[in-house]
PDB file of N, CA and C in Angstrom:
ATOM      1  N   MET A   1       0.831  -1.191   0.001  1.00  0.00           N
ATOM      2  CA  MET A   1       0.003  -0.006  -0.002  1.00  0.00           C
ATOM      3  C   MET A   1       0.878   1.257   0.002  1.00  0.00           C
ATOM      4  N   LEU A   2       1.812   1.348   0.950  1.00  0.00           N
ATOM      5  CA  LEU A   2       2.706   2.481   1.041  1.00  0.00           C
ATOM      6  C   LEU A   2       3.610   2.578  -0.183  1.00  0.00           C
ATOM      7  N   GLN A   3       4.076   1.425  -0.631  1.00  0.00           N
ATOM      8  CA  GLN A   3       4.939   1.387  -1.812  1.00  0.00           C
ATOM      9  C   GLN A   3       4.203   1.920  -3.024  1.00  0.00           C
ATOM     10  N   GLN A   4       2.949   1.579  -3.190  1.00  0.00           N
ATOM     11  CA  GLN A   4       2.148   2.054  -4.325  1.00  0.00           C
ATOM     12  C   GLN A   4       1.961   3.558  -4.239  1.00  0.00           C
ATOM     13  N   ARG A   5       1.733   4.089  -3.044  1.00  0.00           N
ATOM     14  CA  ARG A   5       1.570   5.543  -2.873  1.00  0.00           C
ATOM     15  C   ARG A   5       2.853   6.272  -3.187  1.00  0.00           C
ATOM     16  N   ILE A   6       3.987   5.704  -2.816  1.00  0.00           N
ATOM     17  CA  ILE A   6       5.284   6.334  -3.106  1.00  0.00           C
ATOM     18  C   ILE A   6       5.524   6.357  -4.601  1.00  0.00           C
ATOM     19  N   ILE A   7       5.196   5.276  -5.277  1.00  0.00           N
ATOM     20  CA  ILE A   7       5.369   5.221  -6.732  1.00  0.00           C
ATOM     21  C   ILE A   7       4.441   6.203  -7.415  1.00  0.00           C
ATOM     22  N   GLU A   8       3.181   6.255  -7.001  1.00  0.00           N
ATOM     23  CA  GLU A   8       2.203   7.161  -7.622  1.00  0.00           C
ATOM     24  C   GLU A   8       2.567   8.602  -7.386  1.00  0.00           C
ATOM     25  N   ALA A   9       3.175   8.905  -6.247  1.00  0.00           N
ATOM     26  CA  ALA A   9       3.575  10.286  -5.954  1.00  0.00           C
ATOM     27  C   ALA A   9       4.767  10.710  -6.788  1.00  0.00           C
ATOM     28  N   GLY A  10       5.475   9.748  -7.396  1.00  0.00           N
ATOM     29  CA  GLY A  10       6.619  10.067  -8.209  1.00  0.00           C
ATOM     30  C   GLY A  10       7.907  10.210  -7.445  1.00  0.00           C
ATOM     31  N   LEU A  11       7.935   9.737  -6.208  1.00  0.00           N
ATOM     32  CA  LEU A  11       9.131   9.877  -5.391  1.00  0.00           C
ATOM     33  C   LEU A  11      10.257   8.977  -5.905  1.00  0.00           C
ATOM     34  N   ILE A  12       9.900   7.771  -6.353  1.00  0.00           N
ATOM     35  CA  ILE A  12      10.927   6.872  -6.844  1.00  0.00           C
ATOM     36  C   ILE A  12      11.643   7.465  -8.062  1.00  0.00           C
ATOM     37  N   SER A  13      10.877   7.971  -9.016  1.00  0.00           N
ATOM     38  CA  SER A  13      11.509   8.566 -10.207  1.00  0.00           C
ATOM     39  C   SER A  13      12.321   9.808  -9.856  1.00  0.00           C
ATOM     40  N   HIS A  14      11.837  10.570  -8.865  1.00  0.00           N
ATOM     41  CA  HIS A  14      12.585  11.744  -8.421  1.00  0.00           C
ATOM     42  C   HIS A  14      13.925  11.338  -7.790  1.00  0.00           C
ATOM     43  N   TRP A  15      13.870  10.329  -6.950  1.00  0.00           N
ATOM     44  CA  TRP A  15      15.087   9.876  -6.291  1.00  0.00           C
ATOM     45  C   TRP A  15      16.077   9.287  -7.298  1.00  0.00           C
ATOM     46  N   VAL A  16      15.571   8.529  -8.265  1.00  0.00           N
ATOM     47  CA  VAL A  16      16.431   7.925  -9.285  1.00  0.00           C
ATOM     48  C   VAL A  16      17.074   9.040 -10.119  1.00  0.00           C
ATOM     49  N   ASP A  17      16.276  10.031 -10.538  1.00  0.00           N
ATOM     50  CA  ASP A  17      16.822  11.154 -11.306  1.00  0.00           C
ATOM     51  C   ASP A  17      17.894  11.884 -10.508  1.00  0.00           C
ATOM     52  N   ASP A  18      17.669  12.079  -9.237  1.00  0.00           N
ATOM     53  CA  ASP A  18      18.637  12.779  -8.377  1.00  0.00           C
ATOM     54  C   ASP A  18      19.938  11.998  -8.299  1.00  0.00           C
ATOM     55  N   VAL A  19      19.831  10.694  -8.128  1.00  0.00           N
ATOM     56  CA  VAL A  19      21.033   9.843  -8.032  1.00  0.00           C
ATOM     57  C   VAL A  19      21.777   9.853  -9.366  1.00  0.00           C
ATOM     58  N   VAL A  20      21.038   9.753 -10.457  1.00  0.00           N
ATOM     59  CA  VAL A  20      21.680   9.744 -11.766  1.00  0.00           C
ATOM     60  C   VAL A  20      22.386  11.071 -12.047  1.00  0.00           C
ATOM     61  N   LYS A  21      21.731  12.174 -11.729  1.00  0.00           N
ATOM     62  CA  LYS A  21      22.346  13.474 -11.964  1.00  0.00           C
ATOM     63  C   LYS A  21      23.599  13.687 -11.110  1.00  0.00           C
ATOM     64  N   SER A  22      23.522  13.308  -9.853  1.00  0.00           N
ATOM     65  CA  SER A  22      24.691  13.488  -8.988  1.00  0.00           C
ATOM     66  C   SER A  22      25.832  12.582  -9.427  1.00  0.00           C
ATOM     67  N   ARG A  23      25.494  11.360  -9.856  1.00  0.00           N
ATOM     68  CA  ARG A  23      26.541  10.426 -10.333  1.00  0.00           C
ATOM     69  C   ARG A  23      27.152  10.951 -11.624  1.00  0.00           C
ATOM     70  N   ALA A  24      26.343  11.470 -12.548  1.00  0.00           N
ATOM     71  CA  ALA A  24      26.836  11.982 -13.804  1.00  0.00           C
ATOM     72  C   ALA A  24      27.757  13.180 -13.549  1.00  0.00           C
ATOM     73  N   LYS A  25      27.369  14.043 -12.613  1.00  0.00           N
ATOM     74  CA  LYS A  25      28.214  15.184 -12.300  1.00  0.00           C
ATOM     75  C   LYS A  25      29.535  14.736 -11.710  1.00  0.00           C
ATOM     76  N   ARG A  26      29.485  13.733 -10.863  1.00  0.00           N
ATOM     77  CA  ARG A  26      30.711  13.216 -10.232  1.00  0.00           C
ATOM     78  C   ARG A  26      31.626  12.581 -11.271  1.00  0.00           C
ATOM     79  N   VAL A  27      31.048  11.833 -12.218  1.00  0.00           N
ATOM     80  CA  VAL A  27      31.841  11.198 -13.261  1.00  0.00           C
ATOM     81  C   VAL A  27      32.482  12.274 -14.148  1.00  0.00           C
ATOM     82  N   ARG A  28      31.703  13.313 -14.514  1.00  0.00           N
ATOM     83  CA  ARG A  28      32.264  14.393 -15.330  1.00  0.00           C
ATOM     84  C   ARG A  28      33.415  15.075 -14.594  1.00  0.00           C
ATOM     85  N   MET A  29      33.252  15.295 -13.283  1.00  0.00           N
ATOM     86  CA  MET A  29      34.283  15.937 -12.494  1.00  0.00           C
ATOM     87  C   MET A  29      35.528  15.036 -12.434  1.00  0.00           C
ATOM     88  N   GLU A  30      35.307  13.730 -12.285  1.00  0.00           N
ATOM     89  CA  GLU A  30      36.445  12.789 -12.236  1.00  0.00           C
ATOM     90  C   GLU A  30      37.196  12.793 -13.568  1.00  0.00           C
ATOM     91  N   ARG A  31      36.467  12.783 -14.655  1.00  0.00           N
ATOM     92  CA  ARG A  31      37.103  12.800 -15.972  1.00  0.00           C
ATOM     93  C   ARG A  31      37.859  14.097 -16.214  1.00  0.00           C
ATOM     94  N   LYS A  32      37.290  15.184 -15.776  1.00  0.00           N
ATOM     95  CA  LYS A  32      37.919  16.498 -15.922  1.00  0.00           C
ATOM     96  C   LYS A  32      39.217  16.548 -15.123  1.00  0.00           C
ATOM     97  N   LEU A  33      39.189  15.962 -13.928  1.00  0.00           N
ATOM     98  CA  LEU A  33      40.326  16.034 -13.043  1.00  0.00           C
ATOM     99  C   LEU A  33      41.347  14.933 -13.321  1.00  0.00           C
ATOM    100  N   ALA A  34      41.013  13.975 -14.154  1.00  0.00           N
ATOM    101  CA  ALA A  34      41.902  12.830 -14.380  1.00  0.00           C
ATOM    102  C   ALA A  34      43.239  13.263 -14.959  1.00  0.00           C
ATOM    103  N   GLY A  35      43.254  14.311 -15.771  1.00  0.00           N
ATOM    104  CA  GLY A  35      44.492  14.742 -16.375  1.00  0.00           C
ATOM    105  C   GLY A  35      45.247  15.765 -15.550  1.00  0.00           C
ATOM    106  N   LYS A  36      44.706  16.187 -14.411  1.00  0.00           N
ATOM    107  CA  LYS A  36      45.326  17.266 -13.613  1.00  0.00           C
ATOM    108  C   LYS A  36      46.006  16.732 -12.388  1.00  0.00           C
ATOM    109  N   GLY A  37      47.299  17.009 -12.225  1.00  0.00           N
ATOM    110  CA  GLY A  37      48.030  16.805 -10.974  1.00  0.00           C
ATOM    111  C   GLY A  37      48.056  15.407 -10.455  1.00  0.00           C
ATOM    112  N   THR A  38      48.424  15.300  -9.180  1.00  0.00           N
ATOM    113  CA  THR A  38      48.507  14.004  -8.524  1.00  0.00           C
ATOM    114  C   THR A  38      47.147  13.560  -8.042  1.00  0.00           C
ATOM    115  N   GLY A  39      47.084  12.354  -7.539  1.00  0.00           N
ATOM    116  CA  GLY A  39      45.808  11.831  -7.055  1.00  0.00           C
ATOM    117  C   GLY A  39      45.285  12.627  -5.881  1.00  0.00           C
ATOM    118  N   ASP A  40      46.146  13.086  -5.012  1.00  0.00           N
ATOM    119  CA  ASP A  40      45.688  13.860  -3.856  1.00  0.00           C
ATOM    120  C   ASP A  40      45.051  15.172  -4.255  1.00  0.00           C
ATOM    121  N   GLN A  41      45.682  15.816  -5.232  1.00  0.00           N
ATOM    122  CA  GLN A  41      45.118  17.082  -5.712  1.00  0.00           C
ATOM    123  C   GLN A  41      43.795  16.857  -6.402  1.00  0.00           C
ATOM    124  N   ALA A  42      43.692  15.800  -7.167  1.00  0.00           N
ATOM    125  CA  ALA A  42      42.439  15.484  -7.842  1.00  0.00           C
ATOM    126  C   ALA A  42      41.340  15.167  -6.835  1.00  0.00           C
ATOM    127  N   ASP A  43      41.710  14.406  -5.780  1.00  0.00           N
ATOM    128  CA  ASP A  43      40.740  14.092  -4.731  1.00  0.00           C
ATOM    129  C   ASP A  43      40.241  15.348  -4.053  1.00  0.00           C
ATOM    130  N   LYS A  44      41.179  16.258  -3.783  1.00  0.00           N
ATOM    131  CA  LYS A  44      40.814  17.508  -3.112  1.00  0.00           C
ATOM    132  C   LYS A  44      39.857  18.325  -3.984  1.00  0.00           C
ATOM    133  N   LEU A  45      40.192  18.451  -5.279  1.00  0.00           N
ATOM    134  CA  LEU A  45      39.320  19.168  -6.199  1.00  0.00           C
ATOM    135  C   LEU A  45      37.975  18.498  -6.337  1.00  0.00           C
ATOM    136  N   LEU A  46      37.967  17.164  -6.327  1.00  0.00           N
ATOM    137  CA  LEU A  46      36.726  16.447  -6.416  1.00  0.00           C
ATOM    138  C   LEU A  46      35.846  16.696  -5.206  1.00  0.00           C
ATOM    139  N   GLU A  47      36.448  16.670  -4.019  1.00  0.00           N
ATOM    140  CA  GLU A  47      35.700  16.956  -2.788  1.00  0.00           C
ATOM    141  C   GLU A  47      35.142  18.368  -2.794  1.00  0.00           C
ATOM    142  N   GLU A  48      35.948  19.328  -3.321  1.00  0.00           N
ATOM    143  CA  GLU A  48      35.460  20.710  -3.418  1.00  0.00           C
ATOM    144  C   GLU A  48      34.291  20.790  -4.389  1.00  0.00           C
ATOM    145  N   GLY A  49      34.358  20.022  -5.497  1.00  0.00           N
ATOM    146  CA  GLY A  49      33.250  20.021  -6.451  1.00  0.00           C
ATOM    147  C   GLY A  49      31.991  19.449  -5.839  1.00  0.00           C
ATOM    148  N   VAL A  50      32.130  18.383  -5.042  1.00  0.00           N
ATOM    149  CA  VAL A  50      30.971  17.789  -4.338  1.00  0.00           C
ATOM    150  C   VAL A  50      30.436  18.766  -3.321  1.00  0.00           C
ATOM    151  N   ALA A  51      31.332  19.456  -2.612  1.00  0.00           N
ATOM    152  CA  ALA A  51      30.897  20.439  -1.625  1.00  0.00           C
ATOM    153  C   ALA A  51      30.153  21.588  -2.314  1.00  0.00           C
ATOM    154  N   ASP A  52      30.613  22.002  -3.513  1.00  0.00           N
ATOM    155  CA  ASP A  52      29.938  23.046  -4.244  1.00  0.00           C
ATOM    156  C   ASP A  52      28.541  22.607  -4.613  1.00  0.00           C
ATOM    157  N   THR A  53      28.421  21.322  -5.002  1.00  0.00           N
ATOM    158  CA  THR A  53      27.102  20.782  -5.330  1.00  0.00           C
ATOM    159  C   THR A  53      26.192  20.825  -4.106  1.00  0.00           C
ATOM    160  N   GLN A  54      26.710  20.443  -2.956  1.00  0.00           N
ATOM    161  CA  GLN A  54      25.926  20.499  -1.724  1.00  0.00           C
ATOM    162  C   GLN A  54      25.508  21.944  -1.419  1.00  0.00           C
ATOM    163  N   ARG A  55      26.439  22.887  -1.601  1.00  0.00           N
ATOM    164  CA  ARG A  55      26.157  24.273  -1.306  1.00  0.00           C
ATOM    165  C   ARG A  55      25.098  24.828  -2.257  1.00  0.00           C
ATOM    166  N   ASP A  56      25.106  24.365  -3.519  1.00  0.00           N
ATOM    167  CA  ASP A  56      24.104  24.814  -4.477  1.00  0.00           C
ATOM    168  C   ASP A  56      22.707  24.375  -4.087  1.00  0.00           C
ATOM    169  N   ARG A  57      22.604  23.245  -3.469  1.00  0.00           N
ATOM    170  CA  ARG A  57      21.287  22.732  -3.049  1.00  0.00           C
ATOM    171  C   ARG A  57      20.751  23.508  -1.839  1.00  0.00           C
ATOM    172  N   ASN A  58      21.616  23.864  -0.914  1.00  0.00           N
ATOM    173  CA  ASN A  58      21.211  24.558   0.295  1.00  0.00           C
ATOM    174  C   ASN A  58      21.305  26.057   0.080  1.00  0.00           C
ATOM    175  N   VAL A  59      20.171  26.690  -0.167  1.00  0.00           N
ATOM    176  CA  VAL A  59      20.130  28.122  -0.408  1.00  0.00           C
ATOM    177  C   VAL A  59      19.793  28.808   0.904  1.00  0.00           C
ATOM    178  N   VAL A  60      20.624  29.789   1.274  1.00  0.00           N
ATOM    179  CA  VAL A  60      20.330  30.574   2.459  1.00  0.00           C
ATOM    180  C   VAL A  60      19.327  31.646   2.051  1.00  0.00           C
ATOM    181  N   LEU A  61      18.191  31.678   2.713  1.00  0.00           N
ATOM    182  CA  LEU A  61      17.158  32.626   2.380  1.00  0.00           C
ATOM    183  C   LEU A  61      17.530  33.993   2.919  1.00  0.00           C
ATOM    184  N   GLY A  62      17.464  34.963   2.061  1.00  0.00           N
ATOM    185  CA  GLY A  62      17.738  36.348   2.438  1.00  0.00           C
ATOM    186  C   GLY A  62      16.476  37.194   2.280  1.00  0.00           C
ATOM    187  N   LEU A  63      16.628  38.469   2.519  1.00  0.00           N
ATOM    188  CA  LEU A  63      15.483  39.379   2.428  1.00  0.00           C
ATOM    189  C   LEU A  63      14.904  39.402   1.007  1.00  0.00           C
ATOM    190  N   GLN A  64      15.768  39.287  -0.003  1.00  0.00           N
ATOM    191  CA  GLN A  64      15.265  39.313  -1.370  1.00  0.00           C
ATOM    192  C   GLN A  64      14.372  38.107  -1.670  1.00  0.00           C
ATOM    193  N   HIS A  65      14.591  36.986  -1.018  1.00  0.00           N
ATOM    194  CA  HIS A  65      13.709  35.826  -1.210  1.00  0.00           C
ATOM    195  C   HIS A  65      12.367  35.997  -0.514  1.00  0.00           C
ATOM    196  N   LEU A  66      12.381  36.698   0.615  1.00  0.00           N
ATOM    197  CA  LEU A  66      11.177  36.844   1.428  1.00  0.00           C
ATOM    198  C   LEU A  66      10.502  38.187   1.265  1.00  0.00           C
ATOM    199  N   GLN A  67      10.973  39.010   0.337  1.00  0.00           N
ATOM    200  CA  GLN A  67      10.469  40.342   0.188  1.00  0.00           C
ATOM    201  C   GLN A  67       8.958  40.381  -0.127  1.00  0.00           C
ATOM    202  N   GLY A  68       8.513  39.510  -0.991  1.00  0.00           N
ATOM    203  CA  GLY A  68       7.087  39.477  -1.322  1.00  0.00           C
ATOM    204  C   GLY A  68       6.209  39.172  -0.149  1.00  0.00           C
ATOM    205  N   GLY A  69       6.619  38.206   0.672  1.00  0.00           N
ATOM    206  CA  GLY A  69       5.848  37.858   1.852  1.00  0.00           C
ATOM    207  C   GLY A  69       5.763  39.008   2.851  1.00  0.00           C
ATOM    208  N   PHE A  70       6.899  39.668   3.057  1.00  0.00           N
ATOM    209  CA  PHE A  70       6.908  40.799   3.974  1.00  0.00           C
ATOM    210  C   PHE A  70       6.064  41.936   3.417  1.00  0.00           C
ATOM    211  N   LEU A  71       6.117  42.193   2.118  1.00  0.00           N
ATOM    212  CA  LEU A  71       5.311  43.242   1.513  1.00  0.00           C
ATOM    213  C   LEU A  71       3.830  42.950   1.734  1.00  0.00           C
ATOM    214  N   LEU A  72       3.431  41.727   1.476  1.00  0.00           N
ATOM    215  CA  LEU A  72       2.038  41.354   1.684  1.00  0.00           C
ATOM    216  C   LEU A  72       1.625  41.500   3.150  1.00  0.00           C
ATOM    217  N   MET A  73       2.512  41.121   4.067  1.00  0.00           N
ATOM    218  CA  MET A  73       2.194  41.241   5.492  1.00  0.00           C
ATOM    219  C   MET A  73       2.009  42.706   5.879  1.00  0.00           C
ATOM    220  N   PHE A  74       2.898  43.593   5.414  1.00  0.00           N
ATOM    221  CA  PHE A  74       2.767  44.991   5.776  1.00  0.00           C
ATOM    222  C   PHE A  74       1.596  45.657   5.113  1.00  0.00           C
ATOM    223  N   LEU A  75       1.223  45.223   3.906  1.00  0.00           N
ATOM    224  CA  LEU A  75       0.000  45.719   3.296  1.00  0.00           C
ATOM    225  C   LEU A  75      -1.218  45.323   4.112  1.00  0.00           C
ATOM    226  N   GLY A  76      -1.219  44.129   4.645  1.00  0.00           N
ATOM    227  CA  GLY A  76      -2.308  43.692   5.513  1.00  0.00           C
ATOM    228  C   GLY A  76      -2.372  44.507   6.782  1.00  0.00           C
ATOM    229  N   TYR A  77      -1.197  44.763   7.385  1.00  0.00           N
ATOM    230  CA  TYR A  77      -1.162  45.610   8.570  1.00  0.00           C
ATOM    231  C   TYR A  77      -1.704  47.015   8.271  1.00  0.00           C
ATOM    232  N   ALA A  78      -1.321  47.576   7.124  1.00  0.00           N
ATOM    233  CA  ALA A  78      -1.789  48.924   6.761  1.00  0.00           C
ATOM    234  C   ALA A  78      -3.300  48.933   6.553  1.00  0.00           C
ATOM    235  N   ALA A  79      -3.829  47.898   5.918  1.00  0.00           N
ATOM    236  CA  ALA A  79      -5.288  47.813   5.693  1.00  0.00           C
ATOM    237  C   ALA A  79      -6.015  47.677   7.052  1.00  0.00           C
ATOM    238  N   ALA A  80      -5.473  46.893   7.957  1.00  0.00           N
ATOM    239  CA  ALA A  80      -6.091  46.714   9.267  1.00  0.00           C
ATOM    240  C   ALA A  80      -6.041  48.025  10.054  1.00  0.00           C
ATOM    241  N   LEU A  81      -4.953  48.742   9.974  1.00  0.00           N
ATOM    242  CA  LEU A  81      -4.817  50.033  10.682  1.00  0.00           C
ATOM    243  C   LEU A  81      -5.795  51.057  10.098  1.00  0.00           C
ATOM    244  N   LEU A  82      -5.940  51.051   8.781  1.00  0.00           N
ATOM    245  CA  LEU A  82      -6.906  51.965   8.141  1.00  0.00           C
ATOM    246  C   LEU A  82      -8.339  51.642   8.584  1.00  0.00           C
ATOM    247  N   CYS A  83      -8.688  50.367   8.635  1.00  0.00           N
ATOM    248  CA  CYS A  83     -10.024  49.961   9.077  1.00  0.00           C
ATOM    249  C   CYS A  83     -10.255  50.371  10.538  1.00  0.00           C
ATOM    250  N   LEU A  84      -9.261  50.198  11.394  1.00  0.00           N
ATOM    251  CA  LEU A  84      -9.397  50.590  12.781  1.00  0.00           C
ATOM    252  C   LEU A  84      -9.576  52.111  12.894  1.00  0.00           C
ATOM    253  N   PHE A  85      -8.795  52.876  12.150  1.00  0.00           N
ATOM    254  CA  PHE A  85      -8.925  54.328  12.158  1.00  0.00           C
ATOM    255  C   PHE A  85     -10.319  54.746  11.700  1.00  0.00           C
ATOM    256  N   LEU A  86     -10.812  54.175  10.605  1.00  0.00           N
ATOM    257  CA  LEU A  86     -12.141  54.524  10.103  1.00  0.00           C
ATOM    258  C   LEU A  86     -13.218  54.132  11.101  1.00  0.00           C
ATOM    259  N   GLU A  87     -13.056  53.024  11.768  1.00  0.00           N
ATOM    260  CA  GLU A  87     -14.036  52.609  12.763  1.00  0.00           C
ATOM    261  C   GLU A  87     -14.079  53.561  13.944  1.00  0.00           C
ATOM    262  N   VAL A  88     -12.918  53.996  14.411  1.00  0.00           N
ATOM    263  CA  VAL A  88     -12.862  54.959  15.527  1.00  0.00           C
ATOM    264  C   VAL A  88     -13.465  56.296  15.128  1.00  0.00           C
ATOM    265  N   VAL A  89     -13.133  56.750  13.905  1.00  0.00           N
ATOM    266  CA  VAL A  89     -13.683  58.049  13.434  1.00  0.00           C
ATOM    267  C   VAL A  89     -15.186  57.974  13.292  1.00  0.00           C
ATOM    268  N   THR A  90     -15.707  56.897  12.703  1.00  0.00           N
ATOM    269  CA  THR A  90     -17.170  56.796  12.541  1.00  0.00           C
ATOM    270  C   THR A  90     -17.861  56.669  13.883  1.00  0.00           C
ATOM    271  N   HIS A  91     -17.212  56.039  14.843  1.00  0.00           N
ATOM    272  CA  HIS A  91     -17.799  55.932  16.189  1.00  0.00           C
ATOM    273  C   HIS A  91     -17.931  57.317  16.804  1.00  0.00           C
ATOM    274  N   PHE A  92     -16.880  58.114  16.751  1.00  0.00           N
ATOM    275  CA  PHE A  92     -16.921  59.451  17.336  1.00  0.00           C
ATOM    276  C   PHE A  92     -17.891  60.362  16.589  1.00  0.00           C
ATOM    277  N   LEU A  93     -17.940  60.217  15.263  1.00  0.00           N
ATOM    278  CA  LEU A  93     -18.885  61.039  14.495  1.00  0.00           C
ATOM    279  C   LEU A  93     -20.331  60.668  14.820  1.00  0.00           C
ATOM    280  N   SER A  94     -20.578  59.404  14.985  1.00  0.00           N
ATOM    281  CA  SER A  94     -21.939  58.984  15.347  1.00  0.00           C
ATOM    282  C   SER A  94     -22.313  59.454  16.716  1.00  0.00           C
ATOM    283  N   ARG A  95     -21.385  59.443  17.666  1.00  0.00           N
ATOM    284  CA  ARG A  95     -21.658  59.958  19.014  1.00  0.00           C
ATOM    285  C   ARG A  95     -21.861  61.445  18.967  1.00  0.00           C
ATOM    286  N   LEU A  96     -21.075  62.156  18.156  1.00  0.00           N
ATOM    287  CA  LEU A  96     -21.230  63.599  18.008  1.00  0.00           C
ATOM    288  C   LEU A  96     -22.600  63.931  17.452  1.00  0.00           C
ATOM    289  N   GLY A  97     -23.027  63.162  16.444  1.00  0.00           N
ATOM    290  CA  GLY A  97     -24.363  63.349  15.848  1.00  0.00           C
ATOM    291  C   GLY A  97     -25.437  63.069  16.861  1.00  0.00           C
ATOM    292  N   PHE A  98     -25.248  62.059  17.705  1.00  0.00           N
ATOM    293  CA  PHE A  98     -26.201  61.724  18.733  1.00  0.00           C
ATOM    294  C   PHE A  98     -26.316  62.873  19.764  1.00  0.00           C
ATOM    295  N   MET A  99     -25.158  63.456  20.098  1.00  0.00           N
ATOM    296  CA  MET A  99     -25.152  64.561  21.043  1.00  0.00           C
ATOM    297  C   MET A  99     -25.890  65.772  20.474  1.00  0.00           C
ATOM    298  N   LYS A 100     -25.689  66.042  19.173  1.00  0.00           N
ATOM    299  CA  LYS A 100     -26.388  67.172  18.541  1.00  0.00           C
ATOM    300  C   LYS A 100     -27.894  66.942  18.529  1.00  0.00           C
ATOM    301  N   ARG A 101     -28.275  65.704  18.206  1.00  0.00           N
ATOM    302  CA  ARG A 101     -29.721  65.383  18.194  1.00  0.00           C
ATOM    303  C   ARG A 101     -30.313  65.502  19.593  1.00  0.00           C
ATOM    304  N   ALA A 102     -29.555  65.067  20.586  1.00  0.00           N
ATOM    305  CA  ALA A 102     -30.047  65.150  21.970  1.00  0.00           C
ATOM    306  C   ALA A 102     -30.166  66.608  22.391  1.00  0.00           C
ATOM    307  N   ALA A 103     -29.214  67.440  21.974  1.00  0.00           N
ATOM    308  CA  ALA A 103     -29.271  68.860  22.305  1.00  0.00           C
ATOM    309  C   ALA A 103     -30.471  69.516  21.621  1.00  0.00           C
ATOM    310  N   LYS A 104     -30.762  69.139  20.372  1.00  0.00           N
ATOM    311  CA  LYS A 104     -31.913  69.690  19.653  1.00  0.00           C
ATOM    312  C   LYS A 104     -33.209  69.292  20.364  1.00  0.00           C
ATOM    313  N   LEU A 105     -33.271  68.027  20.769  1.00  0.00           N
ATOM    314  CA  LEU A 105     -34.491  67.570  21.470  1.00  0.00           C
ATOM    315  C   LEU A 105     -34.644  68.285  22.794  1.00  0.00           C
ATOM    316  N   LYS A 106     -33.566  68.528  23.477  1.00  0.00           N
ATOM    317  CA  LYS A 106     -33.612  69.237  24.768  1.00  0.00           C
ATOM    318  C   LYS A 106     -34.066  70.685  24.555  1.00  0.00           C
ATOM    319  N   ASP A 107     -33.506  71.350  23.537  1.00  0.00           N
ATOM    320  CA  ASP A 107     -33.924  72.709  23.220  1.00  0.00           C
ATOM    321  C   ASP A 107     -35.380  72.750  22.770  1.00  0.00           C
ATOM    322  N   HIS A 108     -35.764  71.794  21.998  1.00  0.00           N
ATOM    323  CA  HIS A 108     -37.130  71.739  21.496  1.00  0.00           C
ATOM    324  C   HIS A 108     -38.127  71.473  22.633  1.00  0.00           C
ATOM    325  N   GLY A 109     -37.740  70.692  23.593  1.00  0.00           N
ATOM    326  CA  GLY A 109     -38.619  70.389  24.741  1.00  0.00           C
ATOM    327  C   GLY A 109     -38.719  71.541  25.723  1.00  0.00           C
ATOM    328  N   SER A 110     -37.720  72.405  25.801  1.00  0.00           N
ATOM    329  CA  SER A 110     -37.751  73.501  26.774  1.00  0.00           C
ATOM    330  C   SER A 110     -38.527  74.705  26.244  1.00  0.00           C
ATOM    331  N   LYS A 111     -38.797  74.766  24.948  1.00  0.00           N
ATOM    332  CA  LYS A 111     -39.562  75.877  24.397  1.00  0.00           C
ATOM    333  C   LYS A 111     -41.052  75.694  24.752  1.00  0.00           C
ATOM    334  N   SER A 112     -41.679  76.799  25.079  1.00  0.00           N
ATOM    335  CA  SER A 112     -43.099  76.715  25.400  1.00  0.00           C
ATOM    336  C   SER A 112     -43.903  77.300  24.255  1.00  0.00           C
ATOM    337  N   TYR A 113     -45.061  76.769  24.069  1.00  0.00           N
ATOM    338  CA  TYR A 113     -45.920  77.229  22.979  1.00  0.00           C
ATOM    339  C   TYR A 113     -47.066  77.992  23.510  1.00  0.00           C
TER     340      TYR A 113
END
């Protein structure tokens, strides 16, 4: 059951492709280094090439990678702050209107006919 799900998800083909690509890169590096220097130097260069491959896979996320997410977050904060401000202003305006109406009713009630 689990094996079928792994196959259907494409994990096996992904893993095989990854192994084939890394092996092909290693073979190309070995062939390239075969004509250069002693065995120790070639081994050192080969290890550096493998380390470069590892470094290429592990990307350190910086601000430029996360810029869109932060922009969206700050736009949301700005929209929320604007809504809060409008809510407070409308609340005070409605209370002010209520006070004016109450004052009119009070003035209207104190007049005698």
